[in-house]
Amino acid sequence: MIPAAFDYVRAGSADEAISLLAEHGDEAKVLAGG
């Protein structure tokens, strides 16, 4: 399977992550891992 195209944005802080989520609305997804 070929995954759908997506844009990856890395937030530098929690505040930036919240701002990015607000900016991109329902299309935004949080990815976490380690």
PDB file of N, CA and C in Angstrom:
ATOM      1  N   MET A   1       0.834  -1.186   0.000  1.00  0.00           N
ATOM      2  CA  MET A   1       0.000   0.000   0.000  1.00  0.00           C
ATOM      3  C   MET A   1       0.878   1.249   0.000  1.00  0.00           C
ATOM      4  N   ILE A   2       0.414   2.247  -0.674  1.00  0.00           N
ATOM      5  CA  ILE A   2       1.102   3.536  -0.700  1.00  0.00           C
ATOM      6  C   ILE A   2       0.342   4.479   0.228  1.00  0.00           C
ATOM      7  N   PRO A   3       1.014   5.046   1.236  1.00  0.00           N
ATOM      8  CA  PRO A   3       0.306   5.949   2.154  1.00  0.00           C
ATOM      9  C   PRO A   3      -0.070   7.258   1.463  1.00  0.00           C
ATOM     10  N   ALA A   4      -1.084   7.897   1.997  1.00  0.00           N
ATOM     11  CA  ALA A   4      -1.509   9.201   1.478  1.00  0.00           C
ATOM     12  C   ALA A   4      -0.427  10.238   1.761  1.00  0.00           C
ATOM     13  N   ALA A   5      -0.338  11.221   0.898  1.00  0.00           N
ATOM     14  CA  ALA A   5       0.631  12.307   1.099  1.00  0.00           C
ATOM     15  C   ALA A   5       0.215  13.160   2.296  1.00  0.00           C
ATOM     16  N   PHE A   6       1.204  13.677   3.018  1.00  0.00           N
ATOM     17  CA  PHE A   6       0.913  14.552   4.147  1.00  0.00           C
ATOM     18  C   PHE A   6       2.081  15.492   4.369  1.00  0.00           C
ATOM     19  N   ASP A   7       1.810  16.579   5.069  1.00  0.00           N
ATOM     20  CA  ASP A   7       2.844  17.533   5.463  1.00  0.00           C
ATOM     21  C   ASP A   7       3.204  17.266   6.910  1.00  0.00           C
ATOM     22  N   TYR A   8       4.486  17.234   7.214  1.00  0.00           N
ATOM     23  CA  TYR A   8       4.968  17.013   8.573  1.00  0.00           C
ATOM     24  C   TYR A   8       5.492  18.330   9.119  1.00  0.00           C
ATOM     25  N   VAL A   9       4.987  18.725  10.287  1.00  0.00           N
ATOM     26  CA  VAL A   9       5.430  19.954  10.941  1.00  0.00           C
ATOM     27  C   VAL A   9       5.826  19.594  12.364  1.00  0.00           C
ATOM     28  N   ARG A  10       7.024  19.991  12.766  1.00  0.00           N
ATOM     29  CA  ARG A  10       7.500  19.692  14.114  1.00  0.00           C
ATOM     30  C   ARG A  10       7.429  20.954  14.964  1.00  0.00           C
ATOM     31  N   ALA A  11       6.650  20.890  16.022  1.00  0.00           N
ATOM     32  CA  ALA A  11       6.525  22.029  16.935  1.00  0.00           C
ATOM     33  C   ALA A  11       7.722  22.057  17.874  1.00  0.00           C
ATOM     34  N   GLY A  12       8.178  23.251  18.187  1.00  0.00           N
ATOM     35  CA  GLY A  12       9.314  23.412  19.084  1.00  0.00           C
ATOM     36  C   GLY A  12       8.917  23.543  20.538  1.00  0.00           C
ATOM     37  N   SER A  13       7.613  23.698  20.778  1.00  0.00           N
ATOM     38  CA  SER A  13       7.130  23.856  22.153  1.00  0.00           C
ATOM     39  C   SER A  13       5.661  23.445  22.204  1.00  0.00           C
ATOM     40  N   ALA A  14       5.146  23.289  23.412  1.00  0.00           N
ATOM     41  CA  ALA A  14       3.730  22.960  23.573  1.00  0.00           C
ATOM     42  C   ALA A  14       2.855  24.093  23.041  1.00  0.00           C
ATOM     43  N   ASP A  15       3.256  25.332  23.283  1.00  0.00           N
ATOM     44  CA  ASP A  15       2.486  26.476  22.789  1.00  0.00           C
ATOM     45  C   ASP A  15       2.415  26.475  21.263  1.00  0.00           C
ATOM     46  N   GLU A  16       3.527  26.157  20.621  1.00  0.00           N
ATOM     47  CA  GLU A  16       3.539  26.101  19.160  1.00  0.00           C
ATOM     48  C   GLU A  16       2.662  24.957  18.660  1.00  0.00           C
ATOM     49  N   ALA A  17       2.681  23.827  19.347  1.00  0.00           N
ATOM     50  CA  ALA A  17       1.846  22.689  18.959  1.00  0.00           C
ATOM     51  C   ALA A  17       0.368  23.061  19.028  1.00  0.00           C
ATOM     52  N   ILE A  18      -0.023  23.749  20.077  1.00  0.00           N
ATOM     53  CA  ILE A  18      -1.413  24.182  20.223  1.00  0.00           C
ATOM     54  C   ILE A  18      -1.788  25.147  19.109  1.00  0.00           C
ATOM     55  N   SER A  19      -0.892  26.054  18.795  1.00  0.00           N
ATOM     56  CA  SER A  19      -1.131  27.012  17.720  1.00  0.00           C
ATOM     57  C   SER A  19      -1.285  26.305  16.372  1.00  0.00           C
ATOM     58  N   LEU A  20      -0.429  25.342  16.103  1.00  0.00           N
ATOM     59  CA  LEU A  20      -0.505  24.593  14.845  1.00  0.00           C
ATOM     60  C   LEU A  20      -1.799  23.790  14.756  1.00  0.00           C
ATOM     61  N   LEU A  21      -2.214  23.182  15.861  1.00  0.00           N
ATOM     62  CA  LEU A  21      -3.473  22.439  15.864  1.00  0.00           C
ATOM     63  C   LEU A  21      -4.650  23.362  15.581  1.00  0.00           C
ATOM     64  N   ALA A  22      -4.637  24.551  16.173  1.00  0.00           N
ATOM     65  CA  ALA A  22      -5.710  25.519  15.940  1.00  0.00           C
ATOM     66  C   ALA A  22      -5.701  25.990  14.484  1.00  0.00           C
ATOM     67  N   GLU A  23      -4.523  26.195  13.939  1.00  0.00           N
ATOM     68  CA  GLU A  23      -4.382  26.689  12.565  1.00  0.00           C
ATOM     69  C   GLU A  23      -4.877  25.680  11.539  1.00  0.00           C
ATOM     70  N   HIS A  24      -4.587  24.398  11.760  1.00  0.00           N
ATOM     71  CA  HIS A  24      -4.906  23.372  10.770  1.00  0.00           C
ATOM     72  C   HIS A  24      -6.223  22.658  11.031  1.00  0.00           C
ATOM     73  N   GLY A  25      -6.862  22.914  12.146  1.00  0.00           N
ATOM     74  CA  GLY A  25      -8.197  22.384  12.417  1.00  0.00           C
ATOM     75  C   GLY A  25      -8.277  20.869  12.422  1.00  0.00           C
ATOM     76  N   ASP A  26      -9.393  20.368  11.890  1.00  0.00           N
ATOM     77  CA  ASP A  26      -9.678  18.932  11.928  1.00  0.00           C
ATOM     78  C   ASP A  26      -8.727  18.092  11.079  1.00  0.00           C
ATOM     79  N   GLU A  27      -7.995  18.723  10.179  1.00  0.00           N
ATOM     80  CA  GLU A  27      -7.057  17.972   9.342  1.00  0.00           C
ATOM     81  C   GLU A  27      -5.761  17.649  10.079  1.00  0.00           C
ATOM     82  N   ALA A  28      -5.509  18.301  11.215  1.00  0.00           N
ATOM     83  CA  ALA A  28      -4.263  18.098  11.962  1.00  0.00           C
ATOM     84  C   ALA A  28      -4.339  16.817  12.792  1.00  0.00           C
ATOM     85  N   LYS A  29      -3.238  16.125  12.859  1.00  0.00           N
ATOM     86  CA  LYS A  29      -3.104  14.921  13.688  1.00  0.00           C
ATOM     87  C   LYS A  29      -1.799  15.027  14.455  1.00  0.00           C
ATOM     88  N   VAL A  30      -1.812  14.556  15.678  1.00  0.00           N
ATOM     89  CA  VAL A  30      -0.611  14.566  16.507  1.00  0.00           C
ATOM     90  C   VAL A  30       0.064  13.205  16.389  1.00  0.00           C
ATOM     91  N   LEU A  31       1.337  13.213  16.055  1.00  0.00           N
ATOM     92  CA  LEU A  31       2.134  11.988  16.005  1.00  0.00           C
ATOM     93  C   LEU A  31       3.134  12.037  17.142  1.00  0.00           C
ATOM     94  N   ALA A  32       3.249  10.951  17.872  1.00  0.00           N
ATOM     95  CA  ALA A  32       4.210  10.899  18.968  1.00  0.00           C
ATOM     96  C   ALA A  32       4.927   9.556  18.911  1.00  0.00           C
ATOM     97  N   GLY A  33       6.131   9.553  19.340  1.00  0.00           N
ATOM     98  CA  GLY A  33       6.885   8.308  19.341  1.00  0.00           C
ATOM     99  C   GLY A  33       8.233   8.522  19.978  1.00  0.00           C
ATOM    100  N   GLY A  34       8.976   7.483  20.030  1.00  0.00           N
ATOM    101  CA  GLY A  34      10.263   7.648  20.652  1.00  0.00           C
ATOM    102  C   GLY A  34      11.179   6.505  20.372  1.00  0.00           C
TER     103      GLY A  34
END
